Amino acid sequence: MNLDDDDPPPADAAAALHLIREQRVATARRLEPDARMLYWPWGVAWLVGFGLFFLRFAPDGRVLVRLPDWLPVTALFGLLVAAAAVQAVASARAYGQLSGDSARRGRWYGCAWALGSVSVFAVLGRVVDHLPHDQAALLWSATAVGLTGALHMAGGAIWLDRDLFRLGVWISVINVAGTFAGPGWHALVLAVAGGGGILVVGAISSLRQRRRS
């Protein structure tokens, strides 16, 4: 319900309150991106990308499905880039109208992701050449996922988003469990528990958005 300049004001207090509620809901919809667009692309990327890693580089050097060596890493990075693009578009449409402290938090949080990732990859790039292939792959994935879990928790704390914070805790816990399980198993844990967990959180957050609306 929108009021034009020529529309009469609400006839009574109840109608005015109803109008205010409708306008608040409409504003929230414009300023809050669809949770499915924020979570589901990442869930699919983890499920498919790390799933391919498990099939090609299974525990104890086994090969469950004979895939080209380059395919799992190429698929994973391609899916992650696609997920980042989808999230960026959804966030820009919703948050592009914001300014002040909220916009500043978003920019700084984005910088934390970018600089944190560059720092981690720069350090790992100097180390992994001295490790066996399976241990190097485990170090890459475990460190990157550990950073992801920590930044998810930080984002949840910044915006008081319980779903995002809990997802960060979940990612951190399964990352530790998968790391102790060893190469191959780590990829399976991230694909099933990680990708599946992200999809579940996206579904729960979407349902909560619909209830608020």
C-alpha atoms as a PDB file:
ATOM      1  CA  MET A   1       0.000   0.000   0.000  1.00  0.00           C
ATOM      2  CA  ASN A   2       1.563   3.286  -1.113  1.00  0.00           C
ATOM      3  CA  LEU A   3       0.341   6.796  -0.635  1.00  0.00           C
ATOM      4  CA  ASP A   4       0.546   9.334  -3.450  1.00  0.00           C
ATOM      5  CA  ASP A   5       0.479  13.057  -2.837  1.00  0.00           C
ATOM      6  CA  ASP A   6      -3.220  13.180  -3.734  1.00  0.00           C
ATOM      7  CA  ASP A   7      -4.254  10.236  -1.516  1.00  0.00           C
ATOM      8  CA  PRO A   8      -6.269  11.112   1.594  1.00  0.00           C
ATOM      9  CA  PRO A   9      -4.693  10.392   4.979  1.00  0.00           C
ATOM     10  CA  PRO A  10      -5.828   7.273   6.913  1.00  0.00           C
ATOM     11  CA  ALA A  11      -9.292   7.639   8.378  1.00  0.00           C
ATOM     12  CA  ASP A  12      -8.413   6.451  11.878  1.00  0.00           C
ATOM     13  CA  ALA A  13      -5.518   5.356  14.096  1.00  0.00           C
ATOM     14  CA  ALA A  14      -5.937   1.648  13.269  1.00  0.00           C
ATOM     15  CA  ALA A  15      -5.646   2.339   9.553  1.00  0.00           C
ATOM     16  CA  ALA A  16      -2.594   4.517  10.160  1.00  0.00           C
ATOM     17  CA  LEU A  17      -0.874   1.750  12.162  1.00  0.00           C
ATOM     18  CA  HIS A  18      -1.713  -0.760   9.449  1.00  0.00           C
ATOM     19  CA  LEU A  19      -0.198   1.532   6.835  1.00  0.00           C
ATOM     20  CA  ILE A  20       2.961   1.976   8.902  1.00  0.00           C
ATOM     21  CA  ARG A  21       3.353  -1.782   9.279  1.00  0.00           C
ATOM     22  CA  GLU A  22       2.942  -2.309   5.540  1.00  0.00           C
ATOM     23  CA  GLN A  23       5.530   0.345   4.749  1.00  0.00           C
ATOM     24  CA  ARG A  24       7.993  -1.176   7.211  1.00  0.00           C
ATOM     25  CA  VAL A  25       7.577  -4.606   5.635  1.00  0.00           C
ATOM     26  CA  ALA A  26       8.034  -3.159   2.138  1.00  0.00           C
ATOM     27  CA  THR A  27      11.181  -1.311   3.232  1.00  0.00           C
ATOM     28  CA  ALA A  28      12.607  -4.430   4.876  1.00  0.00           C
ATOM     29  CA  ARG A  29      12.061  -6.395   1.681  1.00  0.00           C
ATOM     30  CA  ARG A  30      13.947  -3.803  -0.347  1.00  0.00           C
ATOM     31  CA  LEU A  31      16.867  -3.582   2.098  1.00  0.00           C
ATOM     32  CA  GLU A  32      17.219  -7.288   2.924  1.00  0.00           C
ATOM     33  CA  PRO A  33      18.513  -9.597   0.194  1.00  0.00           C
ATOM     34  CA  ASP A  34      16.928 -12.986  -0.341  1.00  0.00           C
ATOM     35  CA  ALA A  35      18.736 -15.362   2.025  1.00  0.00           C
ATOM     36  CA  ARG A  36      18.665 -18.089  -0.606  1.00  0.00           C
ATOM     37  CA  MET A  37      20.825 -15.953  -2.899  1.00  0.00           C
ATOM     38  CA  LEU A  38      23.325 -15.410  -0.072  1.00  0.00           C
ATOM     39  CA  TYR A  39      23.666 -19.026   1.030  1.00  0.00           C
ATOM     40  CA  TRP A  40      22.552 -21.520  -1.609  1.00  0.00           C
ATOM     41  CA  PRO A  41      25.153 -20.692  -4.304  1.00  0.00           C
ATOM     42  CA  TRP A  42      27.899 -21.319  -1.734  1.00  0.00           C
ATOM     43  CA  GLY A  43      26.248 -24.521  -0.565  1.00  0.00           C
ATOM     44  CA  VAL A  44      26.113 -25.858  -4.122  1.00  0.00           C
ATOM     45  CA  ALA A  45      29.731 -24.810  -4.722  1.00  0.00           C
ATOM     46  CA  TRP A  46      30.944 -26.692  -1.642  1.00  0.00           C
ATOM     47  CA  LEU A  47      28.783 -29.734  -2.271  1.00  0.00           C
ATOM     48  CA  VAL A  48      29.829 -30.169  -5.902  1.00  0.00           C
ATOM     49  CA  GLY A  49      33.399 -28.818  -5.704  1.00  0.00           C
ATOM     50  CA  PHE A  50      34.586 -30.697  -2.616  1.00  0.00           C
ATOM     51  CA  GLY A  51      32.541 -33.706  -3.707  1.00  0.00           C
ATOM     52  CA  LEU A  52      34.610 -33.925  -6.890  1.00  0.00           C
ATOM     53  CA  PHE A  53      37.769 -33.675  -4.798  1.00  0.00           C
ATOM     54  CA  PHE A  54      36.657 -36.659  -2.717  1.00  0.00           C
ATOM     55  CA  LEU A  55      35.795 -38.717  -5.785  1.00  0.00           C
ATOM     56  CA  ARG A  56      39.142 -38.019  -7.462  1.00  0.00           C
ATOM     57  CA  PHE A  57      41.427 -37.853  -4.399  1.00  0.00           C
ATOM     58  CA  ALA A  58      39.845 -40.291  -1.957  1.00  0.00           C
ATOM     59  CA  PRO A  59      41.520 -41.381   1.302  1.00  0.00           C
ATOM     60  CA  ASP A  60      44.652 -43.549   1.149  1.00  0.00           C
ATOM     61  CA  GLY A  61      45.397 -42.480  -2.415  1.00  0.00           C
ATOM     62  CA  ARG A  62      42.334 -44.192  -3.892  1.00  0.00           C
ATOM     63  CA  VAL A  63      40.484 -42.920  -6.959  1.00  0.00           C
ATOM     64  CA  LEU A  64      36.739 -43.515  -6.787  1.00  0.00           C
ATOM     65  CA  VAL A  65      35.994 -41.834 -10.122  1.00  0.00           C
ATOM     66  CA  ARG A  66      38.716 -41.321 -12.712  1.00  0.00           C
ATOM     67  CA  LEU A  67      38.594 -37.592 -13.387  1.00  0.00           C
ATOM     68  CA  PRO A  68      41.304 -35.339 -14.831  1.00  0.00           C
ATOM     69  CA  ASP A  69      43.512 -34.000 -12.058  1.00  0.00           C
ATOM     70  CA  TRP A  70      42.664 -30.417 -12.983  1.00  0.00           C
ATOM     71  CA  LEU A  71      38.879 -30.881 -12.948  1.00  0.00           C
ATOM     72  CA  PRO A  72      38.123 -30.785  -9.175  1.00  0.00           C
ATOM     73  CA  VAL A  73      40.113 -27.625  -8.463  1.00  0.00           C
ATOM     74  CA  THR A  74      38.857 -25.911 -11.619  1.00  0.00           C
ATOM     75  CA  ALA A  75      35.250 -26.782 -10.825  1.00  0.00           C
ATOM     76  CA  LEU A  76      35.594 -25.672  -7.211  1.00  0.00           C
ATOM     77  CA  PHE A  77      37.116 -22.292  -8.028  1.00  0.00           C
ATOM     78  CA  GLY A  78      34.673 -21.714 -10.864  1.00  0.00           C
ATOM     79  CA  LEU A  79      31.704 -22.453  -8.616  1.00  0.00           C
ATOM     80  CA  LEU A  80      33.098 -20.264  -5.833  1.00  0.00           C
ATOM     81  CA  VAL A  81      33.550 -17.363  -8.234  1.00  0.00           C
ATOM     82  CA  ALA A  82      29.992 -17.829  -9.508  1.00  0.00           C
ATOM     83  CA  ALA A  83      28.663 -17.922  -5.929  1.00  0.00           C
ATOM     84  CA  ALA A  84      30.550 -14.746  -5.068  1.00  0.00           C
ATOM     85  CA  ALA A  85      29.094 -13.018  -8.132  1.00  0.00           C
ATOM     86  CA  VAL A  86      25.531 -14.024  -7.235  1.00  0.00           C
ATOM     87  CA  GLN A  87      25.988 -12.823  -3.657  1.00  0.00           C
ATOM     88  CA  ALA A  88      27.556  -9.558  -4.805  1.00  0.00           C
ATOM     89  CA  VAL A  89      24.644  -8.773  -7.124  1.00  0.00           C
ATOM     90  CA  ALA A  90      22.031  -9.656  -4.494  1.00  0.00           C
ATOM     91  CA  SER A  91      23.813  -7.600  -1.826  1.00  0.00           C
ATOM     92  CA  ALA A  92      24.333  -4.610  -4.115  1.00  0.00           C
ATOM     93  CA  ARG A  93      20.638  -4.479  -4.973  1.00  0.00           C
ATOM     94  CA  ALA A  94      19.637  -4.570  -1.321  1.00  0.00           C
ATOM     95  CA  TYR A  95      22.393  -2.609   0.406  1.00  0.00           C
ATOM     96  CA  GLY A  96      23.213  -0.131  -2.339  1.00  0.00           C
ATOM     97  CA  GLN A  97      20.721   2.310  -0.839  1.00  0.00           C
ATOM     98  CA  LEU A  98      22.339   2.239   2.598  1.00  0.00           C
ATOM     99  CA  SER A  99      24.811   4.782   3.913  1.00  0.00           C
ATOM    100  CA  GLY A 100      26.475   5.664   7.188  1.00  0.00           C
ATOM    101  CA  ASP A 101      27.639   3.062   9.710  1.00  0.00           C
ATOM    102  CA  SER A 102      25.879   0.130   8.029  1.00  0.00           C
ATOM    103  CA  ALA A 103      27.557   0.792   4.698  1.00  0.00           C
ATOM    104  CA  ARG A 104      30.916   1.306   6.410  1.00  0.00           C
ATOM    105  CA  ARG A 105      30.634  -2.028   8.252  1.00  0.00           C
ATOM    106  CA  GLY A 106      29.896  -3.760   4.974  1.00  0.00           C
ATOM    107  CA  ARG A 107      32.907  -2.226   3.227  1.00  0.00           C
ATOM    108  CA  TRP A 108      35.261  -3.033   6.077  1.00  0.00           C
ATOM    109  CA  TYR A 109      33.949  -6.570   6.322  1.00  0.00           C
ATOM    110  CA  GLY A 110      34.523  -7.018   2.596  1.00  0.00           C
ATOM    111  CA  CYS A 111      38.083  -5.739   3.016  1.00  0.00           C
ATOM    112  CA  ALA A 112      38.635  -8.279   5.802  1.00  0.00           C
ATOM    113  CA  TRP A 113      37.616 -11.077   3.434  1.00  0.00           C
ATOM    114  CA  ALA A 114      39.847  -9.829   0.625  1.00  0.00           C
ATOM    115  CA  LEU A 115      42.977  -9.092   2.667  1.00  0.00           C
ATOM    116  CA  GLY A 116      42.570 -12.173   4.838  1.00  0.00           C
ATOM    117  CA  SER A 117      42.342 -14.421   1.786  1.00  0.00           C
ATOM    118  CA  VAL A 118      45.340 -12.816   0.087  1.00  0.00           C
ATOM    119  CA  SER A 119      47.431 -13.109   3.259  1.00  0.00           C
ATOM    120  CA  VAL A 120      46.582 -16.770   3.764  1.00  0.00           C
ATOM    121  CA  PHE A 121      47.236 -17.753   0.163  1.00  0.00           C
ATOM    122  CA  ALA A 122      50.512 -15.809   0.071  1.00  0.00           C
ATOM    123  CA  VAL A 123      51.820 -17.674   3.105  1.00  0.00           C
ATOM    124  CA  LEU A 124      50.605 -21.085   1.938  1.00  0.00           C
ATOM    125  CA  GLY A 125      52.141 -20.533  -1.474  1.00  0.00           C
ATOM    126  CA  ARG A 126      55.579 -20.496   0.170  1.00  0.00           C
ATOM    127  CA  VAL A 127      54.964 -23.680   2.159  1.00  0.00           C
ATOM    128  CA  VAL A 128      52.951 -26.210   0.160  1.00  0.00           C
ATOM    129  CA  ASP A 129      55.775 -27.002  -2.298  1.00  0.00           C
ATOM    130  CA  HIS A 130      57.628 -28.718   0.547  1.00  0.00           C
ATOM    131  CA  LEU A 131      54.732 -31.073   1.364  1.00  0.00           C
ATOM    132  CA  PRO A 132      53.359 -34.221  -0.290  1.00  0.00           C
ATOM    133  CA  HIS A 133      50.448 -33.546  -2.641  1.00  0.00           C
ATOM    134  CA  ASP A 134      47.732 -34.872  -0.323  1.00  0.00           C
ATOM    135  CA  GLN A 135      49.056 -32.951   2.688  1.00  0.00           C
ATOM    136  CA  ALA A 136      49.435 -29.775   0.625  1.00  0.00           C
ATOM    137  CA  ALA A 137      45.821 -30.046  -0.566  1.00  0.00           C
ATOM    138  CA  LEU A 138      44.677 -30.584   3.026  1.00  0.00           C
ATOM    139  CA  LEU A 139      46.622 -27.536   4.212  1.00  0.00           C
ATOM    140  CA  TRP A 140      45.134 -25.337   1.469  1.00  0.00           C
ATOM    141  CA  SER A 141      41.536 -26.364   2.078  1.00  0.00           C
ATOM    142  CA  ALA A 142      41.689 -26.526   5.887  1.00  0.00           C
ATOM    143  CA  THR A 143      43.279 -23.071   6.177  1.00  0.00           C
ATOM    144  CA  ALA A 144      40.882 -21.450   3.708  1.00  0.00           C
ATOM    145  CA  VAL A 145      37.855 -23.034   5.382  1.00  0.00           C
ATOM    146  CA  GLY A 146      39.163 -22.035   8.813  1.00  0.00           C
ATOM    147  CA  LEU A 147      39.347 -18.416   7.655  1.00  0.00           C
ATOM    148  CA  THR A 148      35.815 -18.735   6.264  1.00  0.00           C
ATOM    149  CA  GLY A 149      34.436 -19.995   9.569  1.00  0.00           C
ATOM    150  CA  ALA A 150      36.150 -17.246  11.558  1.00  0.00           C
ATOM    151  CA  LEU A 151      34.887 -14.479   9.254  1.00  0.00           C
ATOM    152  CA  HIS A 152      31.369 -15.901   9.306  1.00  0.00           C
ATOM    153  CA  MET A 153      31.398 -15.693  13.097  1.00  0.00           C
ATOM    154  CA  ALA A 154      32.783 -12.154  12.903  1.00  0.00           C
ATOM    155  CA  GLY A 155      30.026 -11.157  10.472  1.00  0.00           C
ATOM    156  CA  GLY A 156      27.393 -12.671  12.737  1.00  0.00           C
ATOM    157  CA  ALA A 157      28.781 -10.680  15.662  1.00  0.00           C
ATOM    158  CA  ILE A 158      28.866  -7.426  13.665  1.00  0.00           C
ATOM    159  CA  TRP A 159      25.263  -7.664  12.454  1.00  0.00           C
ATOM    160  CA  LEU A 160      23.932  -9.776  15.359  1.00  0.00           C
ATOM    161  CA  ASP A 161      22.956 -12.429  12.819  1.00  0.00           C
ATOM    162  CA  ARG A 162      22.510 -15.710  14.699  1.00  0.00           C
ATOM    163  CA  ASP A 163      22.269 -17.816  11.554  1.00  0.00           C
ATOM    164  CA  LEU A 164      25.533 -16.453  10.168  1.00  0.00           C
ATOM    165  CA  PHE A 165      27.328 -16.837  13.509  1.00  0.00           C
ATOM    166  CA  ARG A 166      26.087 -20.398  14.010  1.00  0.00           C
ATOM    167  CA  LEU A 167      27.119 -21.285  10.495  1.00  0.00           C
ATOM    168  CA  GLY A 168      30.615 -19.979  11.263  1.00  0.00           C
ATOM    169  CA  VAL A 169      30.755 -22.171  14.371  1.00  0.00           C
ATOM    170  CA  TRP A 170      29.551 -25.198  12.395  1.00  0.00           C
ATOM    171  CA  ILE A 171      32.095 -24.656   9.616  1.00  0.00           C
ATOM    172  CA  SER A 172      34.901 -24.291  12.168  1.00  0.00           C
ATOM    173  CA  VAL A 173      33.924 -27.485  14.000  1.00  0.00           C
ATOM    174  CA  ILE A 174      33.620 -29.665  10.899  1.00  0.00           C
ATOM    175  CA  ASN A 175      36.865 -28.206   9.551  1.00  0.00           C
ATOM    176  CA  VAL A 176      38.718 -29.368  12.649  1.00  0.00           C
ATOM    177  CA  ALA A 177      37.025 -32.784  12.496  1.00  0.00           C
ATOM    178  CA  GLY A 178      37.853 -33.206   8.816  1.00  0.00           C
ATOM    179  CA  THR A 179      41.444 -32.115   9.340  1.00  0.00           C
ATOM    180  CA  PHE A 180      41.990 -34.744  12.010  1.00  0.00           C
ATOM    181  CA  ALA A 181      40.306 -37.333   9.779  1.00  0.00           C
ATOM    182  CA  GLY A 182      42.940 -36.607   7.147  1.00  0.00           C
ATOM    183  CA  PRO A 183      43.249 -36.057   3.393  1.00  0.00           C
ATOM    184  CA  GLY A 184      40.277 -37.227   1.370  1.00  0.00           C
ATOM    185  CA  TRP A 185      37.974 -37.410   4.361  1.00  0.00           C
ATOM    186  CA  HIS A 186      38.306 -33.647   4.824  1.00  0.00           C
ATOM    187  CA  ALA A 187      36.864 -33.060   1.350  1.00  0.00           C
ATOM    188  CA  LEU A 188      33.955 -35.423   2.059  1.00  0.00           C
ATOM    189  CA  VAL A 189      33.154 -33.663   5.349  1.00  0.00           C
ATOM    190  CA  LEU A 190      33.207 -30.253   3.663  1.00  0.00           C
ATOM    191  CA  ALA A 191      31.023 -31.451   0.783  1.00  0.00           C
ATOM    192  CA  VAL A 192      28.332 -33.146   2.870  1.00  0.00           C
ATOM    193  CA  ALA A 193      28.364 -31.358   6.234  1.00  0.00           C
ATOM    194  CA  GLY A 194      29.680 -28.045   4.928  1.00  0.00           C
ATOM    195  CA  GLY A 195      27.733 -27.683   1.694  1.00  0.00           C
ATOM    196  CA  GLY A 196      24.672 -29.312   3.189  1.00  0.00           C
ATOM    197  CA  GLY A 197      24.870 -27.095   6.256  1.00  0.00           C
ATOM    198  CA  ILE A 198      25.029 -23.951   4.150  1.00  0.00           C
ATOM    199  CA  LEU A 199      21.970 -25.065   2.162  1.00  0.00           C
ATOM    200  CA  VAL A 200      20.058 -25.752   5.393  1.00  0.00           C
ATOM    201  CA  VAL A 201      20.953 -22.359   6.874  1.00  0.00           C
ATOM    202  CA  GLY A 202      19.813 -20.681   3.668  1.00  0.00           C
ATOM    203  CA  ALA A 203      16.465 -22.483   3.830  1.00  0.00           C
ATOM    204  CA  ILE A 204      15.958 -21.590   7.509  1.00  0.00           C
ATOM    205  CA  SER A 205      16.867 -17.935   6.946  1.00  0.00           C
ATOM    206  CA  SER A 206      14.514 -17.748   3.959  1.00  0.00           C
ATOM    207  CA  LEU A 207      11.642 -19.154   6.021  1.00  0.00           C
ATOM    208  CA  ARG A 208      12.280 -16.570   8.735  1.00  0.00           C
ATOM    209  CA  GLN A 209      12.234 -13.797   6.152  1.00  0.00           C
ATOM    210  CA  ARG A 210       8.852 -14.988   4.885  1.00  0.00           C
ATOM    211  CA  ARG A 211       7.442 -15.129   8.416  1.00  0.00           C
ATOM    212  CA  ARG A 212       8.585 -11.571   9.112  1.00  0.00           C
ATOM    213  CA  SER A 213       6.901 -10.451   5.905  1.00  0.00           C
END
